[in-house]
Amino acid sequence: MGGQAVGPYGWLQYAIPVVVLVVVFTIRWRRMSQDRPLKLERLWVVPAIHLVVAIALYGSAPPPAWVWGLCAAALAAGGLLGWQRGRMMRITVDAETHRLNHRGSPAAFLFILGVVLVRQAMRNQTVDAALGLDAMAVTDIAISLVLGLFTAQRLEMYLRGRRLLAGTARGR
């Protein structure tokens, strides 16, 4: 009897996250077809919250020195990915009100889906073992990646939004 015992509901540990992801991505896909207001003055909020969470997590359990290097690389990679994702977002200026609107792109949506899939693969113990990383190191690296992604995406959107508003103001 050398096999591992699986309870009658063992499949739920796989089904529930898949169902949640499908629901979340379905809602996001529907919202992508709608323009939403873009408030430049609020773009800093999500990166700031994530930065506070990252500082708290790193402060409570600092990673080993060698993981800091991987975190720095992940922050830079997240920045590059976030900048690209920000470029994929469609930003427009309403001709009458001169207010900014934005709409997600299918490419940006698929990009985030790819990031989620890579993250799920990293949770696999075999991948962790092959890379010589434990769960804490993978989590620390993921925190840095997401911080870079959120920050660079919103910075790119902020800069582009300002340029669009400036161009509209000159065109009056």
N, C-alpha and C. Protein backbone atom coordinates (compact mmCIF):
# COMPACT_ATOMS: atom_id res chain seq x y z
N MET A 1 0.81 -1.19 0.00
CA MET A 1 0.00 0.00 0.00
C MET A 1 0.86 1.25 0.00
N GLY A 2 1.79 1.35 -0.83
CA GLY A 2 2.77 2.43 -0.83
C GLY A 2 2.23 3.76 -1.30
N GLY A 3 0.95 3.88 -1.70
CA GLY A 3 0.42 5.15 -2.20
C GLY A 3 0.00 6.07 -1.08
N GLN A 4 -0.13 7.32 -1.43
CA GLN A 4 -0.56 8.33 -0.47
C GLN A 4 -2.08 8.33 -0.40
N ALA A 5 -2.62 8.35 0.81
CA ALA A 5 -4.07 8.36 0.99
C ALA A 5 -4.61 9.73 0.64
N VAL A 6 -5.65 9.76 -0.18
CA VAL A 6 -6.31 11.01 -0.55
C VAL A 6 -7.74 10.91 -0.05
N GLY A 7 -8.18 11.93 0.68
CA GLY A 7 -9.53 11.95 1.22
C GLY A 7 -10.55 12.07 0.10
N PRO A 8 -11.83 11.87 0.44
CA PRO A 8 -12.87 11.93 -0.58
C PRO A 8 -13.00 13.33 -1.21
N TYR A 9 -12.51 14.34 -0.52
CA TYR A 9 -12.60 15.71 -1.04
C TYR A 9 -11.24 16.27 -1.45
N GLY A 10 -10.26 15.40 -1.66
CA GLY A 10 -8.92 15.84 -2.04
C GLY A 10 -8.89 16.66 -3.31
N TRP A 11 -9.81 16.38 -4.22
CA TRP A 11 -9.87 17.11 -5.48
C TRP A 11 -10.28 18.57 -5.28
N LEU A 12 -10.93 18.87 -4.15
CA LEU A 12 -11.36 20.24 -3.89
C LEU A 12 -10.19 21.21 -3.75
N GLN A 13 -9.05 20.72 -3.26
CA GLN A 13 -7.90 21.61 -3.12
C GLN A 13 -7.40 22.11 -4.47
N TYR A 14 -7.75 21.41 -5.52
CA TYR A 14 -7.38 21.86 -6.86
C TYR A 14 -8.54 22.59 -7.54
N ALA A 15 -9.77 22.12 -7.29
CA ALA A 15 -10.94 22.68 -7.97
C ALA A 15 -11.28 24.08 -7.48
N ILE A 16 -11.20 24.32 -6.18
CA ILE A 16 -11.60 25.62 -5.64
C ILE A 16 -10.75 26.76 -6.20
N PRO A 17 -9.40 26.67 -6.19
CA PRO A 17 -8.63 27.77 -6.78
C PRO A 17 -8.92 27.96 -8.27
N VAL A 18 -9.16 26.89 -8.99
CA VAL A 18 -9.46 27.01 -10.42
C VAL A 18 -10.78 27.74 -10.61
N VAL A 19 -11.79 27.39 -9.83
CA VAL A 19 -13.10 28.05 -9.93
C VAL A 19 -12.97 29.52 -9.58
N VAL A 20 -12.24 29.83 -8.51
CA VAL A 20 -12.05 31.24 -8.12
C VAL A 20 -11.35 32.00 -9.25
N LEU A 21 -10.29 31.43 -9.82
CA LEU A 21 -9.58 32.11 -10.92
C LEU A 21 -10.49 32.32 -12.13
N VAL A 22 -11.29 31.33 -12.47
CA VAL A 22 -12.20 31.46 -13.60
C VAL A 22 -13.21 32.58 -13.36
N VAL A 23 -13.77 32.65 -12.15
CA VAL A 23 -14.73 33.69 -11.83
C VAL A 23 -14.07 35.07 -11.89
N VAL A 24 -12.90 35.22 -11.26
CA VAL A 24 -12.20 36.50 -11.24
C VAL A 24 -11.84 36.93 -12.65
N PHE A 25 -11.28 36.04 -13.45
CA PHE A 25 -10.88 36.41 -14.80
C PHE A 25 -12.08 36.67 -15.71
N THR A 26 -13.21 36.00 -15.46
CA THR A 26 -14.43 36.28 -16.24
C THR A 26 -14.92 37.68 -15.96
N ILE A 27 -14.93 38.07 -14.67
CA ILE A 27 -15.35 39.42 -14.30
C ILE A 27 -14.41 40.45 -14.91
N ARG A 28 -13.11 40.19 -14.80
CA ARG A 28 -12.13 41.13 -15.36
C ARG A 28 -12.27 41.25 -16.88
N TRP A 29 -12.51 40.13 -17.55
CA TRP A 29 -12.65 40.14 -19.02
C TRP A 29 -13.83 41.02 -19.42
N ARG A 30 -14.94 40.91 -18.69
CA ARG A 30 -16.13 41.71 -18.99
C ARG A 30 -15.86 43.20 -18.78
N ARG A 31 -15.13 43.53 -17.71
CA ARG A 31 -14.85 44.94 -17.39
C ARG A 31 -13.88 45.56 -18.38
N MET A 32 -13.11 44.72 -19.08
CA MET A 32 -12.13 45.26 -20.03
C MET A 32 -12.80 45.99 -21.18
N SER A 33 -14.03 45.65 -21.52
CA SER A 33 -14.69 46.26 -22.66
C SER A 33 -15.31 47.61 -22.31
N GLN A 34 -15.15 48.04 -21.05
CA GLN A 34 -15.74 49.30 -20.62
C GLN A 34 -14.64 50.30 -20.26
N ASP A 35 -14.86 51.55 -20.68
CA ASP A 35 -13.95 52.60 -20.24
C ASP A 35 -14.24 52.91 -18.78
N ARG A 36 -13.16 53.12 -18.02
CA ARG A 36 -13.29 53.49 -16.60
C ARG A 36 -12.50 54.76 -16.38
N PRO A 37 -12.96 55.60 -15.46
CA PRO A 37 -12.20 56.83 -15.18
C PRO A 37 -10.80 56.50 -14.67
N LEU A 38 -9.85 57.30 -15.11
CA LEU A 38 -8.46 57.16 -14.66
C LEU A 38 -8.11 58.41 -13.87
N LYS A 39 -7.90 58.23 -12.60
CA LYS A 39 -7.55 59.34 -11.70
C LYS A 39 -6.04 59.30 -11.47
N LEU A 40 -5.32 60.18 -12.12
CA LEU A 40 -3.86 60.19 -12.01
C LEU A 40 -3.41 60.38 -10.56
N GLU A 41 -4.16 61.16 -9.81
CA GLU A 41 -3.77 61.44 -8.43
C GLU A 41 -3.93 60.24 -7.51
N ARG A 42 -4.56 59.18 -7.98
CA ARG A 42 -4.74 57.98 -7.15
C ARG A 42 -3.88 56.79 -7.58
N LEU A 43 -3.11 56.94 -8.61
CA LEU A 43 -2.32 55.80 -9.11
C LEU A 43 -1.24 55.36 -8.12
N TRP A 44 -0.83 56.20 -7.21
CA TRP A 44 0.22 55.87 -6.25
C TRP A 44 -0.27 54.97 -5.12
N VAL A 45 -1.60 54.86 -4.93
CA VAL A 45 -2.15 54.19 -3.75
C VAL A 45 -1.79 52.70 -3.71
N VAL A 46 -2.04 51.97 -4.78
CA VAL A 46 -1.78 50.52 -4.77
C VAL A 46 -0.29 50.21 -4.57
N PRO A 47 0.63 50.87 -5.30
CA PRO A 47 2.05 50.60 -5.02
C PRO A 47 2.44 50.97 -3.59
N ALA A 48 1.89 52.04 -3.04
CA ALA A 48 2.23 52.45 -1.68
C ALA A 48 1.76 51.40 -0.67
N ILE A 49 0.55 50.90 -0.85
CA ILE A 49 0.05 49.85 0.06
C ILE A 49 0.92 48.61 -0.05
N HIS A 50 1.25 48.24 -1.27
CA HIS A 50 2.09 47.04 -1.45
C HIS A 50 3.48 47.25 -0.86
N LEU A 51 4.01 48.46 -0.98
CA LEU A 51 5.32 48.75 -0.39
C LEU A 51 5.27 48.62 1.14
N VAL A 52 4.22 49.12 1.75
CA VAL A 52 4.07 49.02 3.21
C VAL A 52 3.98 47.54 3.62
N VAL A 53 3.21 46.76 2.88
CA VAL A 53 3.08 45.33 3.19
C VAL A 53 4.43 44.64 3.01
N ALA A 54 5.14 44.97 1.93
CA ALA A 54 6.45 44.36 1.68
C ALA A 54 7.44 44.69 2.80
N ILE A 55 7.46 45.96 3.21
CA ILE A 55 8.37 46.36 4.30
C ILE A 55 8.02 45.62 5.58
N ALA A 56 6.72 45.49 5.87
CA ALA A 56 6.30 44.79 7.08
C ALA A 56 6.70 43.31 7.02
N LEU A 57 6.50 42.70 5.86
CA LEU A 57 6.85 41.28 5.74
C LEU A 57 8.35 41.05 5.79
N TYR A 58 9.10 41.89 5.08
CA TYR A 58 10.56 41.75 5.10
C TYR A 58 11.11 42.09 6.49
N GLY A 59 10.47 43.03 7.18
CA GLY A 59 10.92 43.41 8.51
C GLY A 59 10.65 42.34 9.56
N SER A 60 9.53 41.64 9.40
CA SER A 60 9.18 40.61 10.39
C SER A 60 9.99 39.34 10.20
N ALA A 61 10.37 39.03 8.98
CA ALA A 61 11.18 37.83 8.70
C ALA A 61 12.12 38.15 7.54
N PRO A 62 13.22 38.84 7.82
CA PRO A 62 14.13 39.23 6.74
C PRO A 62 14.69 38.01 6.00
N PRO A 63 14.72 38.09 4.69
CA PRO A 63 15.28 36.98 3.93
C PRO A 63 16.79 36.91 4.10
N PRO A 64 17.37 35.74 3.85
CA PRO A 64 18.83 35.62 3.87
C PRO A 64 19.45 36.52 2.79
N ALA A 65 20.72 36.83 2.95
CA ALA A 65 21.41 37.75 2.04
C ALA A 65 21.30 37.31 0.57
N TRP A 66 21.45 36.03 0.30
CA TRP A 66 21.41 35.59 -1.09
C TRP A 66 20.02 35.76 -1.69
N VAL A 67 18.97 35.73 -0.87
CA VAL A 67 17.61 35.92 -1.38
C VAL A 67 17.38 37.40 -1.71
N TRP A 68 18.05 38.31 -0.98
CA TRP A 68 17.93 39.73 -1.28
C TRP A 68 18.34 40.01 -2.73
N GLY A 69 19.38 39.34 -3.19
CA GLY A 69 19.81 39.51 -4.58
C GLY A 69 18.74 39.07 -5.56
N LEU A 70 18.10 37.94 -5.25
CA LEU A 70 17.00 37.47 -6.11
C LEU A 70 15.81 38.41 -6.04
N CYS A 71 15.56 38.97 -4.85
CA CYS A 71 14.47 39.94 -4.70
C CYS A 71 14.74 41.18 -5.55
N ALA A 72 15.97 41.65 -5.56
CA ALA A 72 16.33 42.82 -6.37
C ALA A 72 16.14 42.52 -7.86
N ALA A 73 16.54 41.33 -8.27
CA ALA A 73 16.35 40.94 -9.68
C ALA A 73 14.86 40.83 -10.00
N ALA A 74 14.08 40.30 -9.07
CA ALA A 74 12.63 40.18 -9.28
C ALA A 74 11.98 41.55 -9.33
N LEU A 75 12.44 42.49 -8.51
CA LEU A 75 11.91 43.85 -8.52
C LEU A 75 12.17 44.49 -9.89
N ALA A 76 13.38 44.31 -10.41
CA ALA A 76 13.72 44.85 -11.73
C ALA A 76 12.90 44.17 -12.83
N ALA A 77 12.76 42.86 -12.76
CA ALA A 77 11.95 42.13 -13.76
C ALA A 77 10.49 42.56 -13.67
N GLY A 78 9.99 42.72 -12.44
CA GLY A 78 8.62 43.19 -12.26
C GLY A 78 8.44 44.59 -12.84
N GLY A 79 9.47 45.43 -12.67
CA GLY A 79 9.41 46.77 -13.24
C GLY A 79 9.30 46.74 -14.76
N LEU A 80 10.10 45.88 -15.38
CA LEU A 80 10.03 45.77 -16.85
C LEU A 80 8.68 45.22 -17.30
N LEU A 81 8.20 44.20 -16.60
CA LEU A 81 6.90 43.62 -16.95
C LEU A 81 5.77 44.61 -16.69
N GLY A 82 5.86 45.34 -15.60
CA GLY A 82 4.82 46.32 -15.27
C GLY A 82 4.78 47.46 -16.27
N TRP A 83 5.96 47.91 -16.69
CA TRP A 83 6.02 48.98 -17.69
C TRP A 83 5.35 48.52 -18.98
N GLN A 84 5.64 47.29 -19.37
CA GLN A 84 5.02 46.74 -20.59
C GLN A 84 3.51 46.62 -20.42
N ARG A 85 3.08 46.14 -19.26
CA ARG A 85 1.64 46.00 -19.00
C ARG A 85 0.98 47.37 -19.02
N GLY A 86 1.62 48.37 -18.44
CA GLY A 86 1.07 49.73 -18.46
C GLY A 86 0.92 50.26 -19.87
N ARG A 87 1.88 49.94 -20.73
CA ARG A 87 1.81 50.37 -22.13
C ARG A 87 0.65 49.71 -22.86
N MET A 88 0.24 48.53 -22.41
CA MET A 88 -0.86 47.81 -23.05
C MET A 88 -2.22 48.39 -22.70
N MET A 89 -2.29 49.20 -21.65
CA MET A 89 -3.56 49.77 -21.24
C MET A 89 -3.93 50.93 -22.17
N ARG A 90 -5.16 50.93 -22.62
CA ARG A 90 -5.62 51.99 -23.51
C ARG A 90 -6.07 53.17 -22.65
N ILE A 91 -5.49 54.34 -22.91
CA ILE A 91 -5.85 55.55 -22.17
C ILE A 91 -6.35 56.58 -23.18
N THR A 92 -7.52 57.16 -22.89
CA THR A 92 -8.10 58.16 -23.78
C THR A 92 -8.51 59.39 -22.97
N VAL A 93 -8.68 60.49 -23.67
CA VAL A 93 -9.16 61.73 -23.06
C VAL A 93 -10.54 62.01 -23.64
N ASP A 94 -11.51 62.21 -22.77
CA ASP A 94 -12.86 62.56 -23.19
C ASP A 94 -12.81 63.95 -23.82
N ALA A 95 -13.29 64.08 -25.04
CA ALA A 95 -13.19 65.34 -25.79
C ALA A 95 -13.96 66.47 -25.12
N GLU A 96 -15.09 66.16 -24.46
CA GLU A 96 -15.91 67.20 -23.86
C GLU A 96 -15.43 67.59 -22.46
N THR A 97 -15.14 66.59 -21.63
CA THR A 97 -14.82 66.86 -20.22
C THR A 97 -13.32 66.95 -19.96
N HIS A 98 -12.51 66.50 -20.89
CA HIS A 98 -11.05 66.45 -20.74
C HIS A 98 -10.65 65.57 -19.55
N ARG A 99 -11.42 64.55 -19.30
CA ARG A 99 -11.09 63.59 -18.26
C ARG A 99 -10.50 62.34 -18.91
N LEU A 100 -9.61 61.72 -18.15
CA LEU A 100 -8.96 60.50 -18.66
C LEU A 100 -9.82 59.28 -18.38
N ASN A 101 -9.79 58.36 -19.32
CA ASN A 101 -10.42 57.05 -19.16
C ASN A 101 -9.40 56.00 -19.55
N HIS A 102 -9.56 54.82 -19.00
CA HIS A 102 -8.68 53.73 -19.41
C HIS A 102 -9.48 52.46 -19.56
N ARG A 103 -8.92 51.59 -20.36
CA ARG A 103 -9.53 50.30 -20.64
C ARG A 103 -8.41 49.29 -20.74
N GLY A 104 -8.59 48.17 -20.08
CA GLY A 104 -7.60 47.11 -20.16
C GLY A 104 -7.58 46.50 -21.55
N SER A 105 -6.47 45.94 -21.89
CA SER A 105 -6.38 45.30 -23.20
C SER A 105 -6.38 43.78 -23.01
N PRO A 106 -6.85 43.05 -24.01
CA PRO A 106 -6.78 41.59 -23.91
C PRO A 106 -5.34 41.10 -23.71
N ALA A 107 -4.38 41.79 -24.31
CA ALA A 107 -2.98 41.39 -24.15
C ALA A 107 -2.55 41.55 -22.69
N ALA A 108 -2.96 42.64 -22.04
CA ALA A 108 -2.63 42.86 -20.64
C ALA A 108 -3.29 41.79 -19.77
N PHE A 109 -4.51 41.43 -20.12
CA PHE A 109 -5.23 40.39 -19.39
C PHE A 109 -4.51 39.05 -19.51
N LEU A 110 -4.14 38.68 -20.71
CA LEU A 110 -3.43 37.42 -20.92
C LEU A 110 -2.06 37.45 -20.25
N PHE A 111 -1.45 38.61 -20.21
CA PHE A 111 -0.16 38.78 -19.55
C PHE A 111 -0.29 38.44 -18.06
N ILE A 112 -1.31 38.99 -17.40
CA ILE A 112 -1.52 38.71 -15.98
C ILE A 112 -1.86 37.25 -15.78
N LEU A 113 -2.64 36.67 -16.67
CA LEU A 113 -2.94 35.24 -16.58
C LEU A 113 -1.65 34.43 -16.63
N GLY A 114 -0.73 34.82 -17.51
CA GLY A 114 0.56 34.13 -17.58
C GLY A 114 1.36 34.26 -16.30
N VAL A 115 1.34 35.46 -15.69
CA VAL A 115 2.04 35.65 -14.41
C VAL A 115 1.45 34.75 -13.34
N VAL A 116 0.11 34.66 -13.30
CA VAL A 116 -0.55 33.79 -12.32
C VAL A 116 -0.15 32.33 -12.55
N LEU A 117 -0.11 31.91 -13.79
CA LEU A 117 0.25 30.52 -14.09
C LEU A 117 1.70 30.22 -13.69
N VAL A 118 2.59 31.17 -13.94
CA VAL A 118 4.00 30.99 -13.54
C VAL A 118 4.08 30.90 -12.02
N ARG A 119 3.32 31.76 -11.34
CA ARG A 119 3.31 31.74 -9.86
C ARG A 119 2.80 30.40 -9.35
N GLN A 120 1.77 29.87 -9.98
CA GLN A 120 1.24 28.57 -9.57
C GLN A 120 2.29 27.48 -9.77
N ALA A 121 3.04 27.57 -10.85
CA ALA A 121 4.10 26.58 -11.10
C ALA A 121 5.18 26.68 -10.03
N MET A 122 5.47 27.90 -9.59
CA MET A 122 6.49 28.09 -8.56
C MET A 122 6.05 27.50 -7.22
N ARG A 123 4.75 27.37 -7.02
CA ARG A 123 4.26 26.81 -5.76
C ARG A 123 4.48 25.30 -5.71
N ASN A 124 4.71 24.72 -6.85
CA ASN A 124 4.96 23.28 -6.91
C ASN A 124 6.28 22.97 -6.21
N GLN A 125 6.23 22.05 -5.28
CA GLN A 125 7.42 21.71 -4.49
C GLN A 125 8.59 21.27 -5.36
N THR A 126 8.31 20.62 -6.47
CA THR A 126 9.41 20.15 -7.32
C THR A 126 10.17 21.33 -7.93
N VAL A 127 9.45 22.36 -8.34
CA VAL A 127 10.11 23.53 -8.91
C VAL A 127 10.94 24.21 -7.82
N ASP A 128 10.36 24.35 -6.61
CA ASP A 128 11.08 24.95 -5.50
C ASP A 128 12.37 24.18 -5.21
N ALA A 129 12.26 22.86 -5.17
CA ALA A 129 13.42 22.03 -4.85
C ALA A 129 14.47 22.12 -5.96
N ALA A 130 14.03 22.14 -7.21
CA ALA A 130 14.96 22.20 -8.33
C ALA A 130 15.75 23.52 -8.31
N LEU A 131 15.10 24.60 -7.86
CA LEU A 131 15.77 25.89 -7.80
C LEU A 131 16.49 26.10 -6.48
N GLY A 132 16.31 25.19 -5.55
CA GLY A 132 16.95 25.32 -4.24
C GLY A 132 16.30 26.38 -3.37
N LEU A 133 15.02 26.64 -3.59
CA LEU A 133 14.30 27.68 -2.85
C LEU A 133 13.26 27.05 -1.94
N ASP A 134 13.07 27.66 -0.79
CA ASP A 134 11.98 27.22 0.07
C ASP A 134 10.78 28.14 -0.16
N ALA A 135 9.67 27.84 0.50
CA ALA A 135 8.44 28.61 0.29
C ALA A 135 8.62 30.08 0.69
N MET A 136 9.36 30.35 1.76
CA MET A 136 9.58 31.73 2.19
C MET A 136 10.37 32.52 1.14
N ALA A 137 11.39 31.91 0.57
CA ALA A 137 12.20 32.59 -0.45
C ALA A 137 11.35 32.89 -1.68
N VAL A 138 10.53 31.92 -2.09
CA VAL A 138 9.67 32.13 -3.26
C VAL A 138 8.68 33.25 -2.98
N THR A 139 8.14 33.29 -1.77
CA THR A 139 7.20 34.35 -1.40
C THR A 139 7.89 35.71 -1.39
N ASP A 140 9.10 35.78 -0.82
CA ASP A 140 9.84 37.05 -0.81
C ASP A 140 10.12 37.54 -2.22
N ILE A 141 10.49 36.65 -3.09
CA ILE A 141 10.78 37.01 -4.49
C ILE A 141 9.51 37.47 -5.19
N ALA A 142 8.40 36.77 -4.93
CA ALA A 142 7.12 37.14 -5.55
C ALA A 142 6.66 38.52 -5.07
N ILE A 143 6.87 38.83 -3.80
CA ILE A 143 6.51 40.15 -3.27
C ILE A 143 7.27 41.23 -4.03
N SER A 144 8.55 41.02 -4.25
CA SER A 144 9.37 42.00 -4.98
C SER A 144 8.91 42.13 -6.43
N LEU A 145 8.62 41.01 -7.07
CA LEU A 145 8.15 41.03 -8.45
C LEU A 145 6.87 41.84 -8.58
N VAL A 146 5.92 41.58 -7.70
CA VAL A 146 4.63 42.27 -7.77
C VAL A 146 4.79 43.76 -7.44
N LEU A 147 5.65 44.09 -6.50
CA LEU A 147 5.91 45.49 -6.18
C LEU A 147 6.45 46.23 -7.40
N GLY A 148 7.41 45.64 -8.08
CA GLY A 148 7.94 46.25 -9.30
C GLY A 148 6.89 46.36 -10.38
N LEU A 149 6.06 45.33 -10.52
CA LEU A 149 5.01 45.32 -11.55
C LEU A 149 4.00 46.42 -11.30
N PHE A 150 3.44 46.49 -10.08
CA PHE A 150 2.43 47.50 -9.77
C PHE A 150 2.99 48.91 -9.91
N THR A 151 4.18 49.12 -9.40
CA THR A 151 4.77 50.46 -9.40
C THR A 151 5.05 50.94 -10.82
N ALA A 152 5.71 50.11 -11.61
CA ALA A 152 6.07 50.53 -12.98
C ALA A 152 4.83 50.68 -13.86
N GLN A 153 3.85 49.81 -13.69
CA GLN A 153 2.63 49.92 -14.50
C GLN A 153 1.95 51.26 -14.24
N ARG A 154 1.80 51.60 -13.00
CA ARG A 154 1.11 52.84 -12.67
C ARG A 154 1.95 54.07 -13.00
N LEU A 155 3.26 53.97 -12.90
CA LEU A 155 4.11 55.08 -13.29
C LEU A 155 3.98 55.34 -14.79
N GLU A 156 4.01 54.30 -15.59
CA GLU A 156 3.87 54.45 -17.04
C GLU A 156 2.52 55.06 -17.38
N MET A 157 1.47 54.59 -16.73
CA MET A 157 0.13 55.13 -16.98
C MET A 157 0.03 56.59 -16.56
N TYR A 158 0.67 56.94 -15.45
CA TYR A 158 0.67 58.32 -14.97
C TYR A 158 1.36 59.24 -15.97
N LEU A 159 2.55 58.84 -16.40
CA LEU A 159 3.30 59.67 -17.34
C LEU A 159 2.56 59.84 -18.67
N ARG A 160 1.99 58.75 -19.16
CA ARG A 160 1.27 58.83 -20.43
C ARG A 160 -0.01 59.66 -20.28
N GLY A 161 -0.70 59.49 -19.16
CA GLY A 161 -1.91 60.27 -18.90
C GLY A 161 -1.62 61.76 -18.83
N ARG A 162 -0.51 62.12 -18.17
CA ARG A 162 -0.12 63.54 -18.10
C ARG A 162 0.18 64.09 -19.48
N ARG A 163 0.88 63.29 -20.30
CA ARG A 163 1.19 63.74 -21.67
C ARG A 163 -0.09 63.95 -22.47
N LEU A 164 -1.04 63.04 -22.33
CA LEU A 164 -2.30 63.18 -23.06
C LEU A 164 -3.06 64.42 -22.62
N LEU A 165 -3.11 64.67 -21.31
CA LEU A 165 -3.80 65.86 -20.82
C LEU A 165 -3.09 67.12 -21.28
N ALA A 166 -1.78 67.13 -21.27
CA ALA A 166 -1.01 68.30 -21.73
C ALA A 166 -1.28 68.54 -23.21
N GLY A 167 -1.34 67.48 -23.99
CA GLY A 167 -1.62 67.62 -25.42
C GLY A 167 -3.02 68.15 -25.67
N THR A 168 -3.97 67.75 -24.83
CA THR A 168 -5.34 68.24 -24.95
C THR A 168 -5.41 69.72 -24.58
N ALA A 169 -4.69 70.11 -23.53
CA ALA A 169 -4.68 71.51 -23.08
C ALA A 169 -4.08 72.42 -24.15
N ARG A 170 -3.03 71.95 -24.83
CA ARG A 170 -2.40 72.76 -25.89
C ARG A 170 -3.31 72.86 -27.11
N GLY A 171 -4.14 71.84 -27.32
CA GLY A 171 -4.98 71.80 -28.50
C GLY A 171 -6.23 72.69 -28.41
N ARG A 172 -6.47 73.30 -27.24
CA ARG A 172 -7.68 74.15 -27.07
C ARG A 172 -7.58 75.40 -27.87
